[in-house]
Structures are given as structure tokens and as C-alpha cells.
């Protein structure tokens, strides 16, 4: 199997969850809107044309791996903490998104050759605190976003996450216009699902 087949399978397997999150206008799915838009566009382009250039292949692979990994986390939380109840899980979208942001920073740190164990521990300890809120089905206080900022500013001189990169790619591919940066979930996902 190749990565394009994997994506087709992933999309089929997660279709129900994705559609439910879209119907709820969930902040969980909206954080992926540009990434999914780009990956889906490149998938369709690959199917129609038979191949992508090397740059677009890297973009597809990066985007798909990103959403795949995060949806594994979301599925795990949905199953273990919310017993499959998507509406209940969505009530804690802010907390779940914070967890996903922490994981973004952890992954970025692990990919840097000069990362320090104590930096990873700061992120890991913070992740544990976020998970406690998820386990209690509580919305995390807004102050925790500031705490994460304080931690990451000390660790990263520069950071551009996959979502931000995919936003730029979506602009470059003319999938969105700069003045449509805050497109609604319906506008973006209506093109795909």
C-alpha cells in the first residue's frame, strides 16, 4: 500500500467522526481545516494526474501524517474518555485542542537535533495537567494557553506549525483567498465532504 491508499482508507474510516465534527462546527475539526483542505486537494490531484511533483508529495505526506496522528489522539480520547459520545467530547474542544498544541510542540522539539531533556519534561508535565482536565471532562481555564506560551517561548526561537504552513500552502494553491482566511467550516469542508 502507498500513502495515497492509506489516506483514502483513513478518510473512509474517519468519515463519520469528521462529518459529526463538521456538523457541530467543532473547534476540534476547524483547527485542521486548511491542512485537510490541502491534503484532500493533493490527493484528488494525484488521482487525476497519476503523480505529484516532489514538493507536493512532501506537502501531502507531511499534512496527512499530521492529521493522521492527531486523529489517533482524538479517537483515543473519544473512545476512552467519552465512550464514543462526540457531542460530549466537543464540549471540551478547547482542552483537546490545547493537548494537540502541546503534542505539536513536543514533536517539533523531538525533531530538533539540540533539544534538551528538561525542555521536553516541561512540555510533558504540562501535557499531564491538560490530560487531567480531559479525564475530568472539564474545560481548561484560558490561563493555560498563556502558560503554554511561556513554556514554548523559552524553548523555541522560531516555530511555525503544520497548520500555519498548510494555510500558506492553501493560499499558494489558490484553494483559499487571503481575505477568506477565516472561512467557515462549512465553506472549507463543503468542498470536500
N, C-alpha and C. Protein backbone atom coordinates (compact mmCIF):
# COMPACT_ATOMS: atom_id res chain seq x y z
N UNK A 1 0.83 -1.18 0.00
CA UNK A 1 0.00 0.00 0.00
C UNK A 1 0.88 1.25 0.00
N UNK A 2 0.42 2.29 -0.67
CA UNK A 2 1.15 3.55 -0.65
C UNK A 2 0.40 4.56 0.22
N UNK A 3 1.01 5.71 0.41
CA UNK A 3 0.44 6.72 1.31
C UNK A 3 -0.89 7.27 0.79
N UNK A 4 -1.10 7.25 -0.51
CA UNK A 4 -2.36 7.75 -1.08
C UNK A 4 -3.50 6.78 -0.79
N UNK A 5 -3.21 5.49 -0.86
CA UNK A 5 -4.19 4.48 -0.48
C UNK A 5 -4.48 4.59 1.01
N UNK A 6 -3.41 4.80 1.80
CA UNK A 6 -3.59 4.99 3.24
C UNK A 6 -4.52 6.16 3.53
N UNK A 7 -4.34 7.25 2.80
CA UNK A 7 -5.19 8.43 3.01
C UNK A 7 -6.64 8.11 2.64
N UNK A 8 -6.85 7.46 1.51
CA UNK A 8 -8.21 7.09 1.12
C UNK A 8 -8.87 6.23 2.19
N UNK A 9 -8.12 5.27 2.72
CA UNK A 9 -8.64 4.41 3.78
C UNK A 9 -8.92 5.21 5.05
N UNK A 10 -7.98 6.10 5.40
CA UNK A 10 -8.14 6.92 6.60
C UNK A 10 -9.40 7.78 6.49
N UNK A 11 -9.58 8.38 5.33
CA UNK A 11 -10.74 9.25 5.12
C UNK A 11 -12.04 8.45 5.25
N UNK A 12 -12.06 7.25 4.69
CA UNK A 12 -13.24 6.39 4.78
C UNK A 12 -13.49 6.00 6.24
N UNK A 13 -12.43 5.59 6.94
CA UNK A 13 -12.57 5.13 8.32
C UNK A 13 -12.98 6.26 9.28
N UNK A 14 -12.60 7.48 8.97
CA UNK A 14 -12.88 8.61 9.86
C UNK A 14 -14.02 9.50 9.37
N UNK A 15 -14.67 9.08 8.30
CA UNK A 15 -15.72 9.89 7.68
C UNK A 15 -16.82 10.27 8.67
N UNK A 16 -17.27 9.32 9.46
CA UNK A 16 -18.36 9.57 10.41
C UNK A 16 -17.94 10.61 11.45
N UNK A 17 -16.75 10.46 12.02
CA UNK A 17 -16.26 11.41 13.01
C UNK A 17 -16.07 12.79 12.40
N UNK A 18 -15.45 12.84 11.24
CA UNK A 18 -15.22 14.13 10.57
C UNK A 18 -16.54 14.83 10.29
N UNK A 19 -17.49 14.12 9.73
CA UNK A 19 -18.80 14.72 9.43
C UNK A 19 -19.53 15.18 10.68
N UNK A 20 -19.43 14.40 11.76
CA UNK A 20 -20.08 14.80 13.01
C UNK A 20 -19.44 16.07 13.56
N UNK A 21 -18.12 16.17 13.50
CA UNK A 21 -17.43 17.37 13.98
C UNK A 21 -17.76 18.58 13.10
N UNK A 22 -17.87 18.35 11.80
CA UNK A 22 -18.26 19.44 10.89
C UNK A 22 -19.68 19.90 11.21
N UNK A 23 -20.59 18.96 11.40
CA UNK A 23 -21.99 19.31 11.71
C UNK A 23 -22.09 20.11 13.00
N UNK A 24 -21.22 19.81 13.95
CA UNK A 24 -21.21 20.54 15.22
C UNK A 24 -20.47 21.87 15.13
N UNK A 25 -19.84 22.11 13.97
CA UNK A 25 -18.96 23.28 13.79
C UNK A 25 -17.91 23.31 14.89
N UNK A 26 -17.36 22.13 15.14
CA UNK A 26 -16.44 21.92 16.24
C UNK A 26 -15.10 22.63 16.04
N UNK A 27 -14.60 23.18 17.12
CA UNK A 27 -13.25 23.77 17.10
C UNK A 27 -12.20 22.67 16.94
N UNK A 28 -12.55 21.45 17.25
CA UNK A 28 -11.60 20.35 17.07
C UNK A 28 -11.28 20.18 15.59
N UNK A 29 -12.29 20.18 14.75
CA UNK A 29 -12.05 19.99 13.31
C UNK A 29 -11.59 21.28 12.65
N UNK A 30 -12.03 22.42 13.16
CA UNK A 30 -11.67 23.68 12.50
C UNK A 30 -10.18 23.94 12.54
N UNK A 31 -9.49 23.42 13.56
CA UNK A 31 -8.04 23.63 13.63
C UNK A 31 -7.31 22.90 12.50
N UNK A 32 -7.96 21.92 11.89
CA UNK A 32 -7.36 21.16 10.79
C UNK A 32 -7.85 21.61 9.42
N UNK A 33 -8.70 22.61 9.37
CA UNK A 33 -9.40 22.91 8.12
C UNK A 33 -8.46 23.12 6.94
N UNK A 34 -7.44 23.92 7.09
CA UNK A 34 -6.55 24.18 5.96
C UNK A 34 -5.67 22.97 5.64
N UNK A 35 -5.28 22.24 6.67
CA UNK A 35 -4.46 21.04 6.44
C UNK A 35 -5.26 20.00 5.67
N UNK A 36 -6.48 19.74 6.10
CA UNK A 36 -7.32 18.76 5.41
C UNK A 36 -7.65 19.24 4.00
N UNK A 37 -7.91 20.53 3.84
CA UNK A 37 -8.20 21.09 2.52
C UNK A 37 -7.04 20.83 1.56
N UNK A 38 -5.81 21.10 2.00
CA UNK A 38 -4.63 20.91 1.15
C UNK A 38 -4.42 19.43 0.85
N UNK A 39 -4.47 18.59 1.88
CA UNK A 39 -4.24 17.16 1.69
C UNK A 39 -5.28 16.57 0.75
N UNK A 40 -6.54 16.94 0.94
CA UNK A 40 -7.60 16.41 0.09
C UNK A 40 -7.43 16.88 -1.36
N UNK A 41 -7.06 18.12 -1.54
CA UNK A 41 -6.81 18.66 -2.88
C UNK A 41 -5.66 17.90 -3.55
N UNK A 42 -4.57 17.69 -2.83
CA UNK A 42 -3.42 16.98 -3.41
C UNK A 42 -3.75 15.52 -3.69
N UNK A 43 -4.56 14.92 -2.85
CA UNK A 43 -5.00 13.54 -3.09
C UNK A 43 -5.77 13.46 -4.40
N UNK A 44 -6.75 14.36 -4.56
CA UNK A 44 -7.54 14.38 -5.80
C UNK A 44 -6.67 14.66 -7.01
N UNK A 45 -5.73 15.57 -6.87
CA UNK A 45 -4.81 15.91 -7.96
C UNK A 45 -3.98 14.68 -8.33
N UNK A 46 -3.50 13.95 -7.35
CA UNK A 46 -2.70 12.74 -7.59
C UNK A 46 -3.54 11.69 -8.30
N UNK A 47 -4.79 11.52 -7.88
CA UNK A 47 -5.68 10.55 -8.51
C UNK A 47 -5.92 10.91 -9.97
N UNK A 48 -6.16 12.19 -10.25
CA UNK A 48 -6.44 12.63 -11.61
C UNK A 48 -5.21 12.59 -12.51
N UNK A 49 -4.07 13.02 -11.98
CA UNK A 49 -2.88 13.18 -12.82
C UNK A 49 -1.90 12.01 -12.72
N UNK A 50 -2.09 11.14 -11.76
CA UNK A 50 -1.22 9.97 -11.63
C UNK A 50 0.03 10.19 -10.80
N UNK A 51 0.41 11.45 -10.59
CA UNK A 51 1.60 11.72 -9.77
C UNK A 51 1.58 13.19 -9.34
N UNK A 52 2.44 13.48 -8.37
CA UNK A 52 2.66 14.85 -7.91
C UNK A 52 4.15 15.12 -8.01
N UNK A 53 4.51 16.40 -8.12
CA UNK A 53 5.95 16.68 -8.09
C UNK A 53 6.46 16.45 -6.66
N UNK A 54 7.76 16.41 -6.52
CA UNK A 54 8.37 16.04 -5.24
C UNK A 54 7.93 16.96 -4.10
N UNK A 55 7.87 18.24 -4.36
CA UNK A 55 7.46 19.20 -3.33
C UNK A 55 6.04 18.93 -2.86
N UNK A 56 5.13 18.72 -3.80
CA UNK A 56 3.75 18.45 -3.44
C UNK A 56 3.60 17.11 -2.72
N UNK A 57 4.43 16.14 -3.08
CA UNK A 57 4.40 14.86 -2.37
C UNK A 57 4.80 15.03 -0.91
N UNK A 58 5.83 15.84 -0.67
CA UNK A 58 6.27 16.10 0.70
C UNK A 58 5.18 16.83 1.48
N UNK A 59 4.54 17.79 0.84
CA UNK A 59 3.44 18.52 1.49
C UNK A 59 2.31 17.56 1.82
N UNK A 60 1.94 16.70 0.87
CA UNK A 60 0.87 15.72 1.11
C UNK A 60 1.23 14.82 2.29
N UNK A 61 2.43 14.26 2.25
CA UNK A 61 2.86 13.33 3.29
C UNK A 61 2.89 14.00 4.66
N UNK A 62 3.44 15.21 4.72
CA UNK A 62 3.51 15.94 5.98
C UNK A 62 2.11 16.21 6.53
N UNK A 63 1.24 16.71 5.67
CA UNK A 63 -0.12 17.03 6.10
C UNK A 63 -0.90 15.80 6.53
N UNK A 64 -0.80 14.74 5.74
CA UNK A 64 -1.53 13.52 6.09
C UNK A 64 -1.02 12.93 7.39
N UNK A 65 0.30 12.84 7.55
CA UNK A 65 0.85 12.30 8.80
C UNK A 65 0.39 13.12 10.00
N UNK A 66 0.32 14.42 9.81
CA UNK A 66 -0.11 15.32 10.88
C UNK A 66 -1.56 15.04 11.29
N UNK A 67 -2.47 15.04 10.32
CA UNK A 67 -3.87 14.81 10.68
C UNK A 67 -4.09 13.37 11.15
N UNK A 68 -3.38 12.43 10.57
CA UNK A 68 -3.50 11.03 10.98
C UNK A 68 -3.13 10.88 12.46
N UNK A 69 -1.97 11.43 12.83
CA UNK A 69 -1.52 11.30 14.22
C UNK A 69 -2.48 11.99 15.19
N UNK A 70 -2.94 13.18 14.83
CA UNK A 70 -3.84 13.89 15.73
C UNK A 70 -5.21 13.22 15.80
N UNK A 71 -5.68 12.66 14.71
CA UNK A 71 -6.96 11.96 14.77
C UNK A 71 -6.86 10.67 15.57
N UNK A 72 -5.68 10.07 15.62
CA UNK A 72 -5.49 8.92 16.51
C UNK A 72 -5.69 9.36 17.96
N UNK A 73 -5.14 10.51 18.32
CA UNK A 73 -5.32 11.05 19.66
C UNK A 73 -6.79 11.35 19.92
N UNK A 74 -7.44 12.01 18.97
CA UNK A 74 -8.86 12.36 19.12
C UNK A 74 -9.71 11.10 19.27
N UNK A 75 -9.47 10.11 18.42
CA UNK A 75 -10.22 8.85 18.50
C UNK A 75 -10.01 8.17 19.86
N UNK A 76 -8.77 8.20 20.34
CA UNK A 76 -8.46 7.59 21.63
C UNK A 76 -9.21 8.30 22.76
N UNK A 77 -9.21 9.62 22.74
CA UNK A 77 -9.94 10.40 23.75
C UNK A 77 -11.44 10.11 23.64
N UNK A 78 -11.96 10.11 22.43
CA UNK A 78 -13.38 9.85 22.21
C UNK A 78 -13.78 8.50 22.78
N UNK A 79 -12.97 7.50 22.53
CA UNK A 79 -13.29 6.15 22.98
C UNK A 79 -13.10 5.98 24.49
N UNK A 80 -11.93 6.41 25.00
CA UNK A 80 -11.61 6.12 26.40
C UNK A 80 -12.28 7.07 27.39
N UNK A 81 -12.43 8.33 27.01
CA UNK A 81 -12.95 9.31 27.96
C UNK A 81 -14.43 9.65 27.76
N UNK A 82 -14.90 9.53 26.53
CA UNK A 82 -16.27 9.98 26.23
C UNK A 82 -17.15 8.86 25.70
N UNK A 83 -16.67 7.64 25.74
CA UNK A 83 -17.44 6.45 25.34
C UNK A 83 -18.14 6.64 23.99
N UNK A 84 -17.44 7.29 23.07
CA UNK A 84 -17.96 7.46 21.72
C UNK A 84 -18.92 8.62 21.54
N UNK A 85 -19.19 9.39 22.59
CA UNK A 85 -20.14 10.49 22.51
C UNK A 85 -19.43 11.75 21.99
N UNK A 86 -19.58 12.01 20.71
CA UNK A 86 -18.88 13.11 20.05
C UNK A 86 -19.35 14.45 20.59
N UNK A 87 -20.65 14.59 20.85
CA UNK A 87 -21.17 15.86 21.38
C UNK A 87 -20.58 16.18 22.74
N UNK A 88 -20.47 15.18 23.59
CA UNK A 88 -19.87 15.40 24.91
C UNK A 88 -18.40 15.77 24.77
N UNK A 89 -17.70 15.08 23.90
CA UNK A 89 -16.28 15.39 23.68
C UNK A 89 -16.13 16.82 23.18
N UNK A 90 -17.01 17.23 22.29
CA UNK A 90 -16.90 18.56 21.71
C UNK A 90 -17.08 19.68 22.74
N UNK A 91 -17.76 19.39 23.82
CA UNK A 91 -17.90 20.38 24.89
C UNK A 91 -16.54 20.76 25.47
N UNK A 92 -15.57 19.89 25.31
CA UNK A 92 -14.22 20.13 25.81
C UNK A 92 -13.23 20.35 24.68
N UNK A 93 -13.71 20.91 23.58
CA UNK A 93 -12.86 21.12 22.40
C UNK A 93 -11.63 21.97 22.72
N UNK A 94 -11.81 22.99 23.53
CA UNK A 94 -10.69 23.88 23.86
C UNK A 94 -9.59 23.09 24.57
N UNK A 95 -9.97 22.23 25.49
CA UNK A 95 -8.99 21.43 26.23
C UNK A 95 -8.30 20.44 25.30
N UNK A 96 -9.06 19.80 24.44
CA UNK A 96 -8.49 18.84 23.49
C UNK A 96 -7.55 19.54 22.53
N UNK A 97 -7.94 20.70 22.05
CA UNK A 97 -7.05 21.45 21.15
C UNK A 97 -5.76 21.86 21.85
N UNK A 98 -5.85 22.24 23.12
CA UNK A 98 -4.63 22.58 23.85
C UNK A 98 -3.71 21.37 23.93
N UNK A 99 -4.29 20.20 24.19
CA UNK A 99 -3.49 18.97 24.21
C UNK A 99 -2.80 18.76 22.86
N UNK A 100 -3.52 18.96 21.78
CA UNK A 100 -2.94 18.77 20.45
C UNK A 100 -1.84 19.79 20.18
N UNK A 101 -2.00 21.02 20.67
CA UNK A 101 -0.94 22.02 20.53
C UNK A 101 0.31 21.59 21.29
N UNK A 102 0.12 21.08 22.49
CA UNK A 102 1.27 20.59 23.28
C UNK A 102 1.98 19.49 22.51
N UNK A 103 1.22 18.58 21.93
CA UNK A 103 1.83 17.50 21.15
C UNK A 103 2.56 18.04 19.93
N UNK A 104 2.04 19.10 19.32
CA UNK A 104 2.75 19.75 18.21
C UNK A 104 4.13 20.22 18.66
N UNK A 105 4.17 20.88 19.80
CA UNK A 105 5.44 21.39 20.31
C UNK A 105 6.38 20.25 20.71
N UNK A 106 5.84 19.20 21.31
CA UNK A 106 6.68 18.05 21.67
C UNK A 106 7.30 17.43 20.42
N UNK A 107 6.50 17.26 19.38
CA UNK A 107 7.02 16.68 18.13
C UNK A 107 8.08 17.58 17.51
N UNK A 108 7.83 18.87 17.51
CA UNK A 108 8.82 19.82 16.98
C UNK A 108 10.12 19.73 17.76
N UNK A 109 10.01 19.67 19.07
CA UNK A 109 11.20 19.59 19.91
C UNK A 109 11.98 18.31 19.64
N UNK A 110 11.28 17.20 19.51
CA UNK A 110 11.94 15.90 19.26
C UNK A 110 12.67 15.89 17.92
N UNK A 111 12.21 16.70 16.98
CA UNK A 111 12.84 16.74 15.65
C UNK A 111 14.01 17.71 15.58
N UNK A 112 14.28 18.38 16.66
CA UNK A 112 15.42 19.30 16.69
C UNK A 112 16.63 18.57 17.24
N UNK A 113 17.77 18.70 16.57
CA UNK A 113 18.95 17.94 16.99
C UNK A 113 19.51 18.35 18.35
N UNK A 114 19.25 19.55 18.79
CA UNK A 114 19.86 20.03 20.03
C UNK A 114 18.85 20.20 21.17
N UNK A 115 17.80 19.40 21.15
CA UNK A 115 16.79 19.59 22.19
C UNK A 115 17.30 19.09 23.54
N UNK A 116 16.78 19.69 24.58
CA UNK A 116 17.19 19.35 25.94
C UNK A 116 16.09 18.55 26.62
N UNK A 117 16.50 17.54 27.38
CA UNK A 117 15.53 16.71 28.09
C UNK A 117 14.65 17.53 29.03
N UNK A 118 15.24 18.55 29.67
CA UNK A 118 14.46 19.35 30.62
C UNK A 118 13.37 20.15 29.90
N UNK A 119 13.62 20.53 28.65
CA UNK A 119 12.59 21.22 27.87
C UNK A 119 11.44 20.27 27.56
N UNK A 120 11.79 19.04 27.18
CA UNK A 120 10.74 18.06 26.90
C UNK A 120 9.93 17.77 28.17
N UNK A 121 10.63 17.70 29.30
CA UNK A 121 9.94 17.43 30.57
C UNK A 121 8.94 18.54 30.89
N UNK A 122 9.29 19.79 30.63
CA UNK A 122 8.35 20.89 30.87
C UNK A 122 7.07 20.69 30.06
N UNK A 123 7.24 20.33 28.79
CA UNK A 123 6.07 20.10 27.93
C UNK A 123 5.29 18.87 28.38
N UNK A 124 6.01 17.82 28.73
CA UNK A 124 5.37 16.58 29.15
C UNK A 124 4.58 16.78 30.45
N UNK A 125 5.16 17.50 31.40
CA UNK A 125 4.46 17.78 32.65
C UNK A 125 3.20 18.62 32.39
N UNK A 126 3.31 19.58 31.49
CA UNK A 126 2.16 20.40 31.13
C UNK A 126 1.09 19.54 30.46
N UNK A 127 1.52 18.64 29.59
CA UNK A 127 0.57 17.73 28.93
C UNK A 127 -0.19 16.91 29.96
N UNK A 128 0.50 16.45 31.00
CA UNK A 128 -0.16 15.69 32.06
C UNK A 128 -1.28 16.51 32.72
N UNK A 129 -1.01 17.80 32.95
CA UNK A 129 -2.03 18.66 33.55
C UNK A 129 -3.24 18.82 32.63
N UNK A 130 -2.98 18.97 31.34
CA UNK A 130 -4.07 19.09 30.38
C UNK A 130 -4.89 17.80 30.35
N UNK A 131 -4.20 16.67 30.38
CA UNK A 131 -4.89 15.38 30.38
C UNK A 131 -5.79 15.21 31.60
N UNK A 132 -5.39 15.78 32.73
CA UNK A 132 -6.24 15.70 33.92
C UNK A 132 -7.59 16.38 33.68
N UNK A 133 -7.58 17.49 32.99
CA UNK A 133 -8.84 18.17 32.65
C UNK A 133 -9.68 17.31 31.70
N UNK A 134 -9.02 16.69 30.74
CA UNK A 134 -9.74 15.82 29.81
C UNK A 134 -10.38 14.66 30.57
N UNK A 135 -9.63 14.06 31.48
CA UNK A 135 -10.14 12.92 32.25
C UNK A 135 -11.33 13.32 33.12
N UNK A 136 -11.34 14.57 33.58
CA UNK A 136 -12.46 15.06 34.41
C UNK A 136 -13.58 15.66 33.56
N UNK A 137 -13.39 15.68 32.24
CA UNK A 137 -14.36 16.28 31.31
C UNK A 137 -14.61 17.75 31.63
N UNK A 138 -13.53 18.45 31.95
CA UNK A 138 -13.63 19.86 32.29
C UNK A 138 -12.93 20.70 31.24
N UNK A 139 -13.50 21.87 31.01
CA UNK A 139 -12.89 22.83 30.09
C UNK A 139 -11.72 23.49 30.83
N UNK A 140 -10.59 23.54 30.17
CA UNK A 140 -9.39 24.09 30.80
C UNK A 140 -9.48 25.61 30.86
N UNK A 141 -8.99 26.22 31.95
CA UNK A 141 -9.01 27.69 32.01
C UNK A 141 -8.14 28.30 30.91
N UNK A 142 -8.56 29.46 30.42
CA UNK A 142 -7.81 30.16 29.37
C UNK A 142 -6.37 30.43 29.77
N UNK A 143 -6.12 30.60 31.05
CA UNK A 143 -4.77 30.90 31.53
C UNK A 143 -3.75 29.84 31.10
N UNK A 144 -4.22 28.62 30.86
CA UNK A 144 -3.30 27.55 30.47
C UNK A 144 -2.68 27.80 29.09
N UNK A 145 -3.38 28.52 28.24
CA UNK A 145 -2.79 28.87 26.94
C UNK A 145 -1.61 29.81 27.14
N UNK A 146 -1.74 30.73 28.08
CA UNK A 146 -0.63 31.62 28.41
C UNK A 146 0.54 30.87 29.03
N UNK A 147 0.23 29.88 29.85
CA UNK A 147 1.29 29.06 30.45
C UNK A 147 2.05 28.31 29.35
N UNK A 148 1.31 27.75 28.39
CA UNK A 148 1.98 27.07 27.28
C UNK A 148 2.85 28.05 26.50
N UNK A 149 2.35 29.25 26.26
CA UNK A 149 3.15 30.27 25.58
C UNK A 149 4.44 30.54 26.34
N UNK A 150 4.33 30.68 27.67
CA UNK A 150 5.52 30.95 28.48
C UNK A 150 6.54 29.82 28.36
N UNK A 151 6.07 28.59 28.35
CA UNK A 151 6.97 27.44 28.23
C UNK A 151 7.63 27.43 26.85
N UNK A 152 6.84 27.61 25.82
CA UNK A 152 7.38 27.46 24.45
C UNK A 152 8.27 28.62 24.05
N UNK A 153 8.01 29.81 24.56
CA UNK A 153 8.88 30.95 24.26
C UNK A 153 10.29 30.70 24.77
N UNK A 154 10.40 30.01 25.90
CA UNK A 154 11.70 29.68 26.46
C UNK A 154 12.43 28.62 25.64
N UNK A 155 11.69 27.80 24.93
CA UNK A 155 12.27 26.66 24.21
C UNK A 155 12.56 26.99 22.75
N UNK A 156 11.64 27.67 22.08
CA UNK A 156 11.73 27.88 20.63
C UNK A 156 12.01 29.33 20.29
N UNK A 157 13.04 29.54 19.49
CA UNK A 157 13.31 30.87 18.95
C UNK A 157 12.31 31.19 17.85
N UNK A 158 12.04 30.18 17.06
CA UNK A 158 11.10 30.32 15.96
C UNK A 158 10.31 29.02 15.84
N UNK A 159 9.07 29.17 15.52
CA UNK A 159 8.23 27.99 15.37
C UNK A 159 7.10 28.32 14.42
N UNK A 160 6.94 27.48 13.44
CA UNK A 160 5.78 27.58 12.56
C UNK A 160 5.20 26.18 12.45
N UNK A 161 3.99 26.03 12.96
CA UNK A 161 3.36 24.73 12.99
C UNK A 161 2.83 24.29 11.64
N UNK A 162 2.50 23.02 11.56
CA UNK A 162 1.98 22.44 10.32
C UNK A 162 0.73 23.19 9.86
N UNK A 163 -0.16 23.53 10.79
CA UNK A 163 -1.39 24.24 10.39
C UNK A 163 -1.08 25.58 9.73
N UNK A 164 -0.11 26.31 10.27
CA UNK A 164 0.26 27.60 9.69
C UNK A 164 0.89 27.41 8.31
N UNK A 165 1.72 26.39 8.20
CA UNK A 165 2.36 26.10 6.90
C UNK A 165 1.29 25.72 5.87
N UNK A 166 0.33 24.89 6.27
CA UNK A 166 -0.71 24.46 5.35
C UNK A 166 -1.63 25.61 4.95
N UNK A 167 -1.80 26.56 5.83
CA UNK A 167 -2.56 27.77 5.48
C UNK A 167 -1.85 28.48 4.33
N UNK A 168 -0.53 28.64 4.44
CA UNK A 168 0.26 29.29 3.39
C UNK A 168 0.20 28.48 2.09
N UNK A 169 0.25 27.17 2.20
CA UNK A 169 0.16 26.31 1.01
C UNK A 169 -1.22 26.47 0.36
N UNK A 170 -2.27 26.51 1.17
CA UNK A 170 -3.63 26.69 0.63
C UNK A 170 -3.74 28.01 -0.13
N UNK A 171 -3.09 29.04 0.38
CA UNK A 171 -3.06 30.32 -0.34
C UNK A 171 -2.31 30.18 -1.65
N UNK A 172 -1.13 29.55 -1.60
CA UNK A 172 -0.30 29.38 -2.80
C UNK A 172 -1.00 28.56 -3.88
N UNK A 173 -1.79 27.59 -3.46
CA UNK A 173 -2.51 26.73 -4.42
C UNK A 173 -3.85 27.34 -4.84
N UNK A 174 -4.13 28.53 -4.36
CA UNK A 174 -5.40 29.22 -4.65
C UNK A 174 -6.62 28.44 -4.18
N UNK A 175 -6.45 27.71 -3.09
CA UNK A 175 -7.59 26.99 -2.51
C UNK A 175 -8.43 27.92 -1.66
N UNK A 176 -7.79 28.94 -1.13
CA UNK A 176 -8.46 30.00 -0.38
C UNK A 176 -7.85 31.32 -0.81
N UNK A 177 -8.53 32.37 -0.51
CA UNK A 177 -8.00 33.72 -0.75
C UNK A 177 -7.59 34.30 0.59
N UNK A 178 -6.63 35.21 0.57
CA UNK A 178 -6.12 35.78 1.81
C UNK A 178 -7.22 36.44 2.63
N UNK A 179 -8.18 37.03 1.97
CA UNK A 179 -9.28 37.66 2.70
C UNK A 179 -10.33 36.65 3.18
N UNK A 180 -10.12 35.38 2.83
CA UNK A 180 -11.01 34.31 3.29
C UNK A 180 -10.32 33.44 4.33
N UNK A 181 -9.32 33.99 4.98
CA UNK A 181 -8.52 33.21 5.92
C UNK A 181 -9.35 32.57 7.02
N UNK A 182 -10.39 33.23 7.42
CA UNK A 182 -11.23 32.71 8.48
C UNK A 182 -12.50 32.08 7.93
N UNK A 183 -12.36 31.43 6.78
CA UNK A 183 -13.51 30.74 6.17
C UNK A 183 -14.22 29.88 7.20
N UNK A 184 -15.50 29.79 7.06
CA UNK A 184 -16.27 28.94 7.96
C UNK A 184 -15.95 27.47 7.67
N UNK A 185 -16.26 26.67 8.64
CA UNK A 185 -16.08 25.22 8.48
C UNK A 185 -16.88 24.75 7.27
N UNK A 186 -18.11 25.25 7.12
CA UNK A 186 -18.95 24.83 6.00
C UNK A 186 -18.31 25.17 4.67
N UNK A 187 -17.74 26.35 4.57
CA UNK A 187 -17.15 26.78 3.30
C UNK A 187 -15.97 25.90 2.91
N UNK A 188 -15.15 25.55 3.88
CA UNK A 188 -13.97 24.73 3.58
C UNK A 188 -14.36 23.27 3.39
N UNK A 189 -15.07 22.71 4.35
CA UNK A 189 -15.38 21.29 4.28
C UNK A 189 -16.51 20.99 3.31
N UNK A 190 -17.30 21.98 2.98
CA UNK A 190 -18.35 21.78 1.99
C UNK A 190 -17.79 21.39 0.63
N UNK A 191 -16.54 21.75 0.40
CA UNK A 191 -15.88 21.42 -0.86
C UNK A 191 -15.43 19.96 -0.91
N UNK A 192 -15.40 19.32 0.26
CA UNK A 192 -14.78 18.00 0.33
C UNK A 192 -15.70 16.89 0.79
N UNK A 193 -16.58 17.16 1.75
CA UNK A 193 -17.35 16.09 2.37
C UNK A 193 -18.83 16.26 2.13
